[in-house]
Amino acid sequence: MPRTIEELATMLSKRDGISYEDELAAIRDAAAEMEFAFYNGDLNRAEDILRTSLSLEPDYLDIFIF
């Protein structure tokens, strides 16, 4: 399992067949939305963003908690 956003971008770019840069941009957009949800105490919303924006399970939330 990836431990950083950069490692995640590499993994997802291969999975999705898009460039690393495009994937990294999508991850950063999702991360900003999840950060807002975290700060508002809405972990369920953060999980939904991860699932819908990046097609990832909640197991990957650890990468976004900093």
PDB file of N, CA and C in Angstrom:
ATOM      1  N   MET A   1       0.845  -1.171   0.000  1.00  0.00           N
ATOM      2  CA  MET A   1       0.000   0.000   0.000  1.00  0.00           C
ATOM      3  C   MET A   1       0.894   1.240   0.000  1.00  0.00           C
ATOM      4  N   PRO A   2       0.552   2.222  -0.812  1.00  0.00           N
ATOM      5  CA  PRO A   2       1.336   3.464  -0.840  1.00  0.00           C
ATOM      6  C   PRO A   2       1.280   4.184   0.502  1.00  0.00           C
ATOM      7  N   ARG A   3       2.352   4.906   0.811  1.00  0.00           N
ATOM      8  CA  ARG A   3       2.416   5.645   2.077  1.00  0.00           C
ATOM      9  C   ARG A   3       2.371   7.151   1.894  1.00  0.00           C
ATOM     10  N   THR A   4       2.575   7.610   0.662  1.00  0.00           N
ATOM     11  CA  THR A   4       2.564   9.041   0.393  1.00  0.00           C
ATOM     12  C   THR A   4       1.612   9.336  -0.767  1.00  0.00           C
ATOM     13  N   ILE A   5       1.273  10.602  -0.904  1.00  0.00           N
ATOM     14  CA  ILE A   5       0.412  11.011  -2.017  1.00  0.00           C
ATOM     15  C   ILE A   5       1.107  10.750  -3.352  1.00  0.00           C
ATOM     16  N   GLU A   6       2.405  10.937  -3.390  1.00  0.00           N
ATOM     17  CA  GLU A   6       3.152  10.705  -4.627  1.00  0.00           C
ATOM     18  C   GLU A   6       3.123   9.224  -5.015  1.00  0.00           C
ATOM     19  N   GLU A   7       3.296   8.341  -4.022  1.00  0.00           N
ATOM     20  CA  GLU A   7       3.220   6.903  -4.299  1.00  0.00           C
ATOM     21  C   GLU A   7       1.806   6.523  -4.750  1.00  0.00           C
ATOM     22  N   LEU A   8       0.811   7.139  -4.127  1.00  0.00           N
ATOM     23  CA  LEU A   8      -0.575   6.887  -4.512  1.00  0.00           C
ATOM     24  C   LEU A   8      -0.824   7.342  -5.952  1.00  0.00           C
ATOM     25  N   ALA A   9      -0.289   8.494  -6.319  1.00  0.00           N
ATOM     26  CA  ALA A   9      -0.450   8.996  -7.680  1.00  0.00           C
ATOM     27  C   ALA A   9       0.173   8.045  -8.693  1.00  0.00           C
ATOM     28  N   THR A  10       1.314   7.493  -8.367  1.00  0.00           N
ATOM     29  CA  THR A  10       1.954   6.527  -9.262  1.00  0.00           C
ATOM     30  C   THR A  10       1.068   5.296  -9.445  1.00  0.00           C
ATOM     31  N   MET A  11       0.558   4.777  -8.334  1.00  0.00           N
ATOM     32  CA  MET A  11      -0.296   3.595  -8.387  1.00  0.00           C
ATOM     33  C   MET A  11      -1.581   3.857  -9.185  1.00  0.00           C
ATOM     34  N   LEU A  12      -2.229   4.987  -8.892  1.00  0.00           N
ATOM     35  CA  LEU A  12      -3.491   5.283  -9.555  1.00  0.00           C
ATOM     36  C   LEU A  12      -3.320   5.651 -11.028  1.00  0.00           C
ATOM     37  N   SER A  13      -2.207   6.282 -11.367  1.00  0.00           N
ATOM     38  CA  SER A  13      -1.991   6.626 -12.779  1.00  0.00           C
ATOM     39  C   SER A  13      -1.863   5.366 -13.619  1.00  0.00           C
ATOM     40  N   LYS A  14      -1.251   4.342 -13.061  1.00  0.00           N
ATOM     41  CA  LYS A  14      -1.169   3.051 -13.762  1.00  0.00           C
ATOM     42  C   LYS A  14      -2.544   2.399 -13.838  1.00  0.00           C
ATOM     43  N   ARG A  15      -3.282   2.445 -12.731  1.00  0.00           N
ATOM     44  CA  ARG A  15      -4.616   1.840 -12.693  1.00  0.00           C
ATOM     45  C   ARG A  15      -5.572   2.517 -13.672  1.00  0.00           C
ATOM     46  N   ASP A  16      -5.529   3.862 -13.676  1.00  0.00           N
ATOM     47  CA  ASP A  16      -6.487   4.629 -14.462  1.00  0.00           C
ATOM     48  C   ASP A  16      -6.028   4.926 -15.884  1.00  0.00           C
ATOM     49  N   GLY A  17      -4.760   4.661 -16.164  1.00  0.00           N
ATOM     50  CA  GLY A  17      -4.241   4.908 -17.507  1.00  0.00           C
ATOM     51  C   GLY A  17      -4.136   6.380 -17.853  1.00  0.00           C
ATOM     52  N   ILE A  18      -3.845   7.215 -16.853  1.00  0.00           N
ATOM     53  CA  ILE A  18      -3.646   8.640 -17.117  1.00  0.00           C
ATOM     54  C   ILE A  18      -2.273   9.053 -16.603  1.00  0.00           C
ATOM     55  N   SER A  19      -1.873  10.247 -16.946  1.00  0.00           N
ATOM     56  CA  SER A  19      -0.527  10.689 -16.563  1.00  0.00           C
ATOM     57  C   SER A  19      -0.421  10.877 -15.056  1.00  0.00           C
ATOM     58  N   TYR A  20       0.789  10.769 -14.581  1.00  0.00           N
ATOM     59  CA  TYR A  20       1.087  10.984 -13.166  1.00  0.00           C
ATOM     60  C   TYR A  20       0.641  12.383 -12.742  1.00  0.00           C
ATOM     61  N   GLU A  21       0.920  13.380 -13.562  1.00  0.00           N
ATOM     62  CA  GLU A  21       0.587  14.763 -13.232  1.00  0.00           C
ATOM     63  C   GLU A  21      -0.921  14.966 -13.109  1.00  0.00           C
ATOM     64  N   ASP A  22      -1.688  14.373 -14.041  1.00  0.00           N
ATOM     65  CA  ASP A  22      -3.147  14.487 -13.972  1.00  0.00           C
ATOM     66  C   ASP A  22      -3.695  13.780 -12.737  1.00  0.00           C
ATOM     67  N   GLU A  23      -3.127  12.626 -12.438  1.00  0.00           N
ATOM     68  CA  GLU A  23      -3.572  11.888 -11.249  1.00  0.00           C
ATOM     69  C   GLU A  23      -3.234  12.656  -9.980  1.00  0.00           C
ATOM     70  N   LEU A  24      -2.042  13.218  -9.928  1.00  0.00           N
ATOM     71  CA  LEU A  24      -1.629  13.988  -8.757  1.00  0.00           C
ATOM     72  C   LEU A  24      -2.557  15.191  -8.558  1.00  0.00           C
ATOM     73  N   ALA A  25      -2.952  15.839  -9.632  1.00  0.00           N
ATOM     74  CA  ALA A  25      -3.884  16.968  -9.541  1.00  0.00           C
ATOM     75  C   ALA A  25      -5.238  16.504  -9.001  1.00  0.00           C
ATOM     76  N   ALA A  26      -5.723  15.368  -9.464  1.00  0.00           N
ATOM     77  CA  ALA A  26      -7.000  14.836  -8.980  1.00  0.00           C
ATOM     78  C   ALA A  26      -6.915  14.484  -7.501  1.00  0.00           C
ATOM     79  N   ILE A  27      -5.793  13.915  -7.095  1.00  0.00           N
ATOM     80  CA  ILE A  27      -5.596  13.559  -5.686  1.00  0.00           C
ATOM     81  C   ILE A  27      -5.553  14.816  -4.824  1.00  0.00           C
ATOM     82  N   ARG A  28      -4.859  15.829  -5.287  1.00  0.00           N
ATOM     83  CA  ARG A  28      -4.783  17.075  -4.513  1.00  0.00           C
ATOM     84  C   ARG A  28      -6.141  17.743  -4.379  1.00  0.00           C
ATOM     85  N   ASP A  29      -6.945  17.694  -5.441  1.00  0.00           N
ATOM     86  CA  ASP A  29      -8.301  18.243  -5.371  1.00  0.00           C
ATOM     87  C   ASP A  29      -9.130  17.478  -4.337  1.00  0.00           C
ATOM     88  N   ALA A  30      -9.064  16.149  -4.398  1.00  0.00           N
ATOM     89  CA  ALA A  30      -9.805  15.324  -3.441  1.00  0.00           C
ATOM     90  C   ALA A  30      -9.286  15.563  -2.020  1.00  0.00           C
ATOM     91  N   ALA A  31      -7.975  15.713  -1.873  1.00  0.00           N
ATOM     92  CA  ALA A  31      -7.376  15.950  -0.557  1.00  0.00           C
ATOM     93  C   ALA A  31      -7.891  17.256   0.042  1.00  0.00           C
ATOM     94  N   ALA A  32      -8.038  18.286  -0.773  1.00  0.00           N
ATOM     95  CA  ALA A  32      -8.548  19.566  -0.277  1.00  0.00           C
ATOM     96  C   ALA A  32      -9.993  19.415   0.209  1.00  0.00           C
ATOM     97  N   GLU A  33     -10.795  18.676  -0.538  1.00  0.00           N
ATOM     98  CA  GLU A  33     -12.176  18.440  -0.122  1.00  0.00           C
ATOM     99  C   GLU A  33     -12.224  17.622   1.166  1.00  0.00           C
ATOM    100  N   MET A  34     -11.367  16.598   1.253  1.00  0.00           N
ATOM    101  CA  MET A  34     -11.337  15.758   2.450  1.00  0.00           C
ATOM    102  C   MET A  34     -10.848  16.549   3.658  1.00  0.00           C
ATOM    103  N   GLU A  35      -9.884  17.438   3.460  1.00  0.00           N
ATOM    104  CA  GLU A  35      -9.388  18.264   4.556  1.00  0.00           C
ATOM    105  C   GLU A  35     -10.518  19.106   5.139  1.00  0.00           C
ATOM    106  N   PHE A  36     -11.322  19.681   4.273  1.00  0.00           N
ATOM    107  CA  PHE A  36     -12.466  20.471   4.723  1.00  0.00           C
ATOM    108  C   PHE A  36     -13.420  19.598   5.544  1.00  0.00           C
ATOM    109  N   ALA A  37     -13.691  18.389   5.045  1.00  0.00           N
ATOM    110  CA  ALA A  37     -14.574  17.464   5.762  1.00  0.00           C
ATOM    111  C   ALA A  37     -13.981  17.082   7.112  1.00  0.00           C
ATOM    112  N   PHE A  38     -12.677  16.784   7.151  1.00  0.00           N
ATOM    113  CA  PHE A  38     -12.008  16.429   8.412  1.00  0.00           C
ATOM    114  C   PHE A  38     -12.161  17.547   9.439  1.00  0.00           C
ATOM    115  N   TYR A  39     -11.849  18.768   9.008  1.00  0.00           N
ATOM    116  CA  TYR A  39     -11.893  19.899   9.936  1.00  0.00           C
ATOM    117  C   TYR A  39     -13.293  20.205  10.444  1.00  0.00           C
ATOM    118  N   ASN A  40     -14.283  19.763   9.691  1.00  0.00           N
ATOM    119  CA  ASN A  40     -15.666  19.944  10.122  1.00  0.00           C
ATOM    120  C   ASN A  40     -16.200  18.702  10.832  1.00  0.00           C
ATOM    121  N   GLY A  41     -15.311  17.765  11.131  1.00  0.00           N
ATOM    122  CA  GLY A  41     -15.684  16.584  11.897  1.00  0.00           C
ATOM    123  C   GLY A  41     -16.537  15.582  11.147  1.00  0.00           C
ATOM    124  N   ASP A  42     -16.505  15.623   9.820  1.00  0.00           N
ATOM    125  CA  ASP A  42     -17.351  14.740   9.014  1.00  0.00           C
ATOM    126  C   ASP A  42     -16.511  13.669   8.325  1.00  0.00           C
ATOM    127  N   LEU A  43     -16.150  12.655   9.099  1.00  0.00           N
ATOM    128  CA  LEU A  43     -15.338  11.568   8.558  1.00  0.00           C
ATOM    129  C   LEU A  43     -16.080  10.794   7.478  1.00  0.00           C
ATOM    130  N   ASN A  44     -17.387  10.657   7.628  1.00  0.00           N
ATOM    131  CA  ASN A  44     -18.168   9.957   6.601  1.00  0.00           C
ATOM    132  C   ASN A  44     -18.068  10.664   5.258  1.00  0.00           C
ATOM    133  N   ARG A  45     -18.117  11.983   5.278  1.00  0.00           N
ATOM    134  CA  ARG A  45     -17.993  12.760   4.035  1.00  0.00           C
ATOM    135  C   ARG A  45     -16.612  12.563   3.433  1.00  0.00           C
ATOM    136  N   ALA A  46     -15.585  12.533   4.261  1.00  0.00           N
ATOM    137  CA  ALA A  46     -14.226  12.311   3.766  1.00  0.00           C
ATOM    138  C   ALA A  46     -14.129  10.950   3.085  1.00  0.00           C
ATOM    139  N   GLU A  47     -14.738   9.937   3.684  1.00  0.00           N
ATOM    140  CA  GLU A  47     -14.741   8.603   3.078  1.00  0.00           C
ATOM    141  C   GLU A  47     -15.488   8.605   1.752  1.00  0.00           C
ATOM    142  N   ASP A  48     -16.611   9.331   1.692  1.00  0.00           N
ATOM    143  CA  ASP A  48     -17.378   9.431   0.447  1.00  0.00           C
ATOM    144  C   ASP A  48     -16.559  10.089  -0.657  1.00  0.00           C
ATOM    145  N   ILE A  49     -15.825  11.128  -0.310  1.00  0.00           N
ATOM    146  CA  ILE A  49     -14.983  11.823  -1.294  1.00  0.00           C
ATOM    147  C   ILE A  49     -13.914  10.869  -1.815  1.00  0.00           C
ATOM    148  N   LEU A  50     -13.300  10.141  -0.924  1.00  0.00           N
ATOM    149  CA  LEU A  50     -12.262   9.174  -1.317  1.00  0.00           C
ATOM    150  C   LEU A  50     -12.847   8.127  -2.253  1.00  0.00           C
ATOM    151  N   ARG A  51     -14.023   7.651  -1.925  1.00  0.00           N
ATOM    152  CA  ARG A  51     -14.666   6.610  -2.721  1.00  0.00           C
ATOM    153  C   ARG A  51     -15.113   7.135  -4.090  1.00  0.00           C
ATOM    154  N   THR A  52     -15.737   8.306  -4.113  1.00  0.00           N
ATOM    155  CA  THR A  52     -16.296   8.804  -5.369  1.00  0.00           C
ATOM    156  C   THR A  52     -15.255   9.489  -6.261  1.00  0.00           C
ATOM    157  N   SER A  53     -14.346  10.239  -5.658  1.00  0.00           N
ATOM    158  CA  SER A  53     -13.369  10.983  -6.459  1.00  0.00           C
ATOM    159  C   SER A  53     -12.208  10.125  -6.943  1.00  0.00           C
ATOM    160  N   LEU A  54     -11.784   9.175  -6.100  1.00  0.00           N
ATOM    161  CA  LEU A  54     -10.584   8.399  -6.432  1.00  0.00           C
ATOM    162  C   LEU A  54     -10.847   6.898  -6.536  1.00  0.00           C
ATOM    163  N   SER A  55     -12.080   6.486  -6.284  1.00  0.00           N
ATOM    164  CA  SER A  55     -12.455   5.068  -6.309  1.00  0.00           C
ATOM    165  C   SER A  55     -11.575   4.230  -5.387  1.00  0.00           C
ATOM    166  N   LEU A  56     -11.409   4.736  -4.162  1.00  0.00           N
ATOM    167  CA  LEU A  56     -10.595   4.043  -3.169  1.00  0.00           C
ATOM    168  C   LEU A  56     -11.428   3.749  -1.929  1.00  0.00           C
ATOM    169  N   GLU A  57     -11.041   2.699  -1.250  1.00  0.00           N
ATOM    170  CA  GLU A  57     -11.682   2.314   0.001  1.00  0.00           C
ATOM    171  C   GLU A  57     -11.150   3.187   1.143  1.00  0.00           C
ATOM    172  N   PRO A  58     -11.878   3.245   2.247  1.00  0.00           N
ATOM    173  CA  PRO A  58     -11.446   4.059   3.395  1.00  0.00           C
ATOM    174  C   PRO A  58     -10.076   3.678   3.958  1.00  0.00           C
ATOM    175  N   ASP A  59      -9.577   2.499   3.634  1.00  0.00           N
ATOM    176  CA  ASP A  59      -8.243   2.088   4.091  1.00  0.00           C
ATOM    177  C   ASP A  59      -7.172   3.103   3.696  1.00  0.00           C
ATOM    178  N   TYR A  60      -7.416   3.855   2.653  1.00  0.00           N
ATOM    179  CA  TYR A  60      -6.429   4.798   2.135  1.00  0.00           C
ATOM    180  C   TYR A  60      -6.486   6.165   2.812  1.00  0.00           C
ATOM    181  N   LEU A  61      -7.401   6.367   3.729  1.00  0.00           N
ATOM    182  CA  LEU A  61      -7.515   7.661   4.408  1.00  0.00           C
ATOM    183  C   LEU A  61      -6.241   8.050   5.144  1.00  0.00           C
ATOM    184  N   ASP A  62      -5.509   7.060   5.638  1.00  0.00           N
ATOM    185  CA  ASP A  62      -4.277   7.330   6.386  1.00  0.00           C
ATOM    186  C   ASP A  62      -3.322   8.243   5.615  1.00  0.00           C
ATOM    187  N   ILE A  63      -3.295   8.080   4.315  1.00  0.00           N
ATOM    188  CA  ILE A  63      -2.372   8.868   3.479  1.00  0.00           C
ATOM    189  C   ILE A  63      -2.715  10.364   3.560  1.00  0.00           C
ATOM    190  N   PHE A  64      -3.977  10.653   3.794  1.00  0.00           N
ATOM    191  CA  PHE A  64      -4.435  12.046   3.747  1.00  0.00           C
ATOM    192  C   PHE A  64      -4.478  12.722   5.104  1.00  0.00           C
ATOM    193  N   ILE A  65      -4.153  12.008   6.148  1.00  0.00           N
ATOM    194  CA  ILE A  65      -4.173  12.583   7.490  1.00  0.00           C
ATOM    195  C   ILE A  65      -2.769  13.054   7.829  1.00  0.00           C
ATOM    196  N   PHE A  66      -2.602  14.367   7.863  1.00  0.00           N
ATOM    197  CA  PHE A  66      -1.293  14.951   8.172  1.00  0.00           C
ATOM    198  C   PHE A  66      -1.449  16.195   8.983  1.00  0.00           C
TER     199      PHE A  66
END
